[in-house]
Amino acid sequence: MDNKHVSTKRSCIFFNSDSFIRLSFNANILKMIDKEFEQISLKPGFMKHNGGLLFKTISENEYQFKTVIKENHLNSAGITHGGFIAAIIDAGAGTAAHIAADKNPCVTISLELKFISAVKLNEELVGITKIQKKTKSMVFLTCELKVKNKIVATASGVWKKLRLPGAGPGG
């Protein structure tokens, strides 16, 4: 989240029948600019085919992603398919790894998932990814997937940075 500080100087004068009081003060106003979610599934492919994924940066080490469960995400029991949950965690956390890796492409080395509770039709899934550690070639992270602030899945994973010509800063 970007923070912008705006300082203003104000004076107030109060009058009554036989005197006046002048008060001067500085007011610091903190203006919070919340970055909006952006669609990251713009190119044709698996995630776009499945409805896409919205993503935003919270801080240097924390990211958020979300999607709404549609009928095609459900299994025969009428709840969200575990494979779809794994796919959105992989895509959302993978995007966080990519950004944390100075926008170098990353591939999933390992992803451990724990399914906590069911997710139903039309529920909004929100993932919170936290970068735990970065090395020259790896990104380690954790992720919680929630519906209405209730954890429905957790994950931890490792992503490998790829060094491709033209990728990342300095190409």
Protein backbone atom coordinates (compact mmCIF):
# COMPACT_ATOMS: atom_id res chain seq x y z
CA MET A 1 0.00 0.00 0.00
CA ASP A 2 1.37 3.43 -0.92
CA ASN A 3 1.14 6.06 1.80
CA LYS A 4 1.17 9.76 1.06
CA HIS A 5 1.42 12.34 3.80
CA VAL A 6 -0.18 15.74 3.37
CA SER A 7 0.59 18.46 5.90
CA THR A 8 -1.64 21.47 6.31
CA LYS A 9 -1.40 24.45 8.65
CA ARG A 10 -4.63 25.95 9.92
CA SER A 11 -5.71 28.66 12.31
CA CYS A 12 -9.01 29.13 14.08
CA ILE A 13 -10.22 32.28 15.77
CA PHE A 14 -12.99 32.14 18.38
CA PHE A 15 -14.75 35.35 19.44
CA ASN A 16 -16.89 36.16 22.44
CA SER A 17 -18.14 39.48 23.81
CA ASP A 18 -14.90 40.68 25.44
CA SER A 19 -11.99 38.61 24.04
CA PHE A 20 -10.83 36.30 21.29
CA ILE A 21 -8.72 33.16 21.23
CA ARG A 22 -6.52 32.23 18.30
CA LEU A 23 -5.46 28.60 17.96
CA SER A 24 -2.83 27.47 15.46
CA PHE A 25 -2.14 23.86 14.71
CA ASN A 26 -0.52 21.59 12.16
CA ALA A 27 -2.65 18.77 10.87
CA ASN A 28 -0.93 15.76 9.38
CA ILE A 29 -3.29 13.88 7.15
CA LEU A 30 -2.38 10.35 6.16
CA LYS A 31 -3.84 9.46 2.83
CA MET A 32 -4.00 5.73 2.21
CA ILE A 33 -4.03 4.68 -1.41
CA ASP A 34 -5.12 1.08 -1.68
CA LYS A 35 -4.04 -0.58 -4.87
CA GLU A 36 -6.94 -2.32 -6.54
CA PHE A 37 -6.92 -5.95 -7.58
CA GLU A 38 -5.75 -6.55 -11.15
CA GLN A 39 -6.62 -9.46 -13.42
CA ILE A 40 -3.45 -11.55 -13.92
CA SER A 41 -5.00 -14.12 -16.27
CA LEU A 42 -4.87 -12.03 -19.44
CA LYS A 43 -3.23 -14.49 -21.84
CA PRO A 44 -5.09 -17.55 -23.09
CA GLY A 45 -4.31 -20.52 -20.89
CA PHE A 46 -5.41 -22.63 -17.96
CA MET A 47 -6.24 -19.88 -15.43
CA LYS A 48 -8.01 -17.63 -17.96
CA HIS A 49 -10.04 -20.65 -19.09
CA ASN A 50 -11.04 -21.25 -15.46
CA GLY A 51 -12.25 -17.70 -14.86
CA GLY A 52 -9.05 -15.83 -14.08
CA LEU A 53 -7.47 -14.62 -10.89
CA LEU A 54 -7.35 -11.13 -9.39
CA PHE A 55 -4.10 -10.09 -7.66
CA LYS A 56 -2.65 -7.18 -5.68
CA THR A 57 0.49 -6.31 -3.77
CA ILE A 58 0.00 -5.51 -0.08
CA SER A 59 3.66 -4.94 0.82
CA GLU A 60 7.13 -6.05 -0.25
CA ASN A 61 6.54 -9.49 1.30
CA GLU A 62 2.76 -9.86 1.29
CA TYR A 63 0.37 -10.34 -1.61
CA GLN A 64 -3.32 -11.09 -2.06
CA PHE A 65 -5.33 -12.84 -4.76
CA LYS A 66 -8.99 -13.76 -5.16
CA THR A 67 -11.64 -15.42 -7.29
CA VAL A 68 -15.33 -16.31 -7.05
CA ILE A 69 -16.39 -19.96 -7.24
CA LYS A 70 -18.49 -20.77 -10.30
CA GLU A 71 -20.40 -23.91 -11.20
CA ASN A 72 -17.56 -25.25 -13.36
CA HIS A 73 -15.25 -25.21 -10.28
CA LEU A 74 -17.41 -27.70 -8.37
CA ASN A 75 -16.89 -31.44 -8.03
CA SER A 76 -19.65 -34.09 -8.07
CA ALA A 77 -20.27 -33.46 -4.33
CA GLY A 78 -21.24 -29.84 -5.11
CA ILE A 79 -18.17 -28.25 -3.45
CA THR A 80 -15.08 -26.68 -4.99
CA HIS A 81 -12.76 -29.24 -6.55
CA GLY A 82 -9.48 -29.63 -4.64
CA GLY A 83 -7.59 -29.45 -7.92
CA PHE A 84 -9.03 -26.01 -8.61
CA ILE A 85 -8.05 -24.84 -5.10
CA ALA A 86 -4.53 -26.15 -5.73
CA ALA A 87 -4.43 -24.39 -9.11
CA ILE A 88 -5.42 -20.98 -7.76
CA ILE A 89 -2.94 -21.25 -4.88
CA ASP A 90 -0.23 -22.23 -7.37
CA ALA A 91 -1.12 -19.31 -9.67
CA GLY A 92 -1.57 -16.69 -6.91
CA ALA A 93 1.46 -17.72 -4.85
CA GLY A 94 3.45 -18.19 -8.06
CA THR A 95 2.67 -14.60 -9.07
CA ALA A 96 3.86 -13.45 -5.65
CA ALA A 97 7.08 -15.45 -6.12
CA HIS A 98 7.55 -13.88 -9.57
CA ILE A 99 7.22 -10.36 -8.16
CA ALA A 100 9.48 -11.17 -5.19
CA ALA A 101 12.05 -12.57 -7.64
CA ASP A 102 12.42 -9.17 -9.31
CA LYS A 103 9.88 -10.23 -11.94
CA ASN A 104 12.00 -13.14 -13.13
CA PRO A 105 9.92 -16.12 -14.24
CA CYS A 106 9.52 -18.76 -11.52
CA VAL A 107 8.46 -22.40 -11.54
CA THR A 108 6.96 -24.36 -8.67
CA ILE A 109 9.47 -26.76 -7.06
CA SER A 110 7.18 -27.91 -4.26
CA LEU A 111 3.71 -27.05 -3.01
CA GLU A 112 2.26 -28.59 0.14
CA LEU A 113 -1.47 -28.10 0.65
CA LYS A 114 -3.76 -28.71 3.58
CA PHE A 115 -7.50 -28.61 2.88
CA ILE A 116 -9.33 -27.36 5.99
CA SER A 117 -12.97 -26.92 4.94
CA ALA A 118 -15.27 -26.96 1.92
CA VAL A 119 -15.87 -24.02 -0.41
CA LYS A 120 -19.29 -23.57 -1.99
CA LEU A 121 -20.76 -22.03 -5.11
CA ASN A 122 -20.53 -18.20 -5.35
CA GLU A 123 -18.16 -17.88 -2.39
CA GLU A 124 -15.24 -15.51 -2.80
CA LEU A 125 -11.88 -17.15 -2.12
CA VAL A 126 -9.14 -14.80 -0.94
CA GLY A 127 -5.52 -15.91 -0.73
CA ILE A 128 -2.88 -14.19 1.38
CA THR A 129 0.69 -15.05 0.42
CA LYS A 130 3.69 -14.17 2.58
CA ILE A 131 7.26 -14.41 1.35
CA GLN A 132 9.24 -16.14 4.08
CA LYS A 133 12.69 -16.13 2.49
CA LYS A 134 14.42 -15.31 -0.80
CA THR A 135 17.78 -16.54 -2.01
CA LYS A 136 19.55 -15.88 -5.32
CA SER A 137 17.68 -18.76 -6.93
CA MET A 138 14.67 -19.64 -4.72
CA VAL A 139 11.58 -18.07 -3.13
CA PHE A 140 10.01 -19.69 -0.04
CA LEU A 141 6.47 -18.70 0.89
CA THR A 142 3.32 -19.55 2.80
CA CYS A 143 -0.30 -19.01 1.84
CA GLU A 144 -3.68 -19.00 3.53
CA LEU A 145 -6.86 -19.30 1.51
CA LYS A 146 -9.96 -17.87 3.18
CA VAL A 147 -13.69 -17.44 2.69
CA LYS A 148 -15.12 -14.59 4.82
CA ASN A 149 -12.00 -14.63 7.06
CA LYS A 150 -12.36 -18.38 7.69
CA ILE A 151 -9.33 -20.43 6.62
CA VAL A 152 -10.28 -23.09 4.07
CA ALA A 153 -6.77 -24.16 2.97
CA THR A 154 -3.14 -23.50 3.82
CA ALA A 155 -0.04 -24.01 1.73
CA SER A 156 3.71 -23.67 1.77
CA GLY A 157 5.92 -23.82 -1.25
CA VAL A 158 9.23 -23.24 -2.96
CA TRP A 159 9.63 -21.53 -6.33
CA LYS A 160 12.77 -21.61 -8.48
CA LYS A 161 13.81 -18.40 -10.22
CA LEU A 162 14.57 -18.87 -13.88
CA ARG A 163 17.23 -16.73 -15.46
CA LEU A 164 15.99 -16.16 -18.98
CA PRO A 165 17.48 -13.64 -21.42
CA GLY A 166 15.50 -10.42 -21.24
CA ALA A 167 13.67 -11.32 -18.00
CA GLY A 168 13.86 -9.26 -14.82
CA PRO A 169 15.80 -6.04 -14.18
CA GLY A 170 18.72 -5.47 -16.46
CA GLY A 171 17.41 -8.17 -18.82
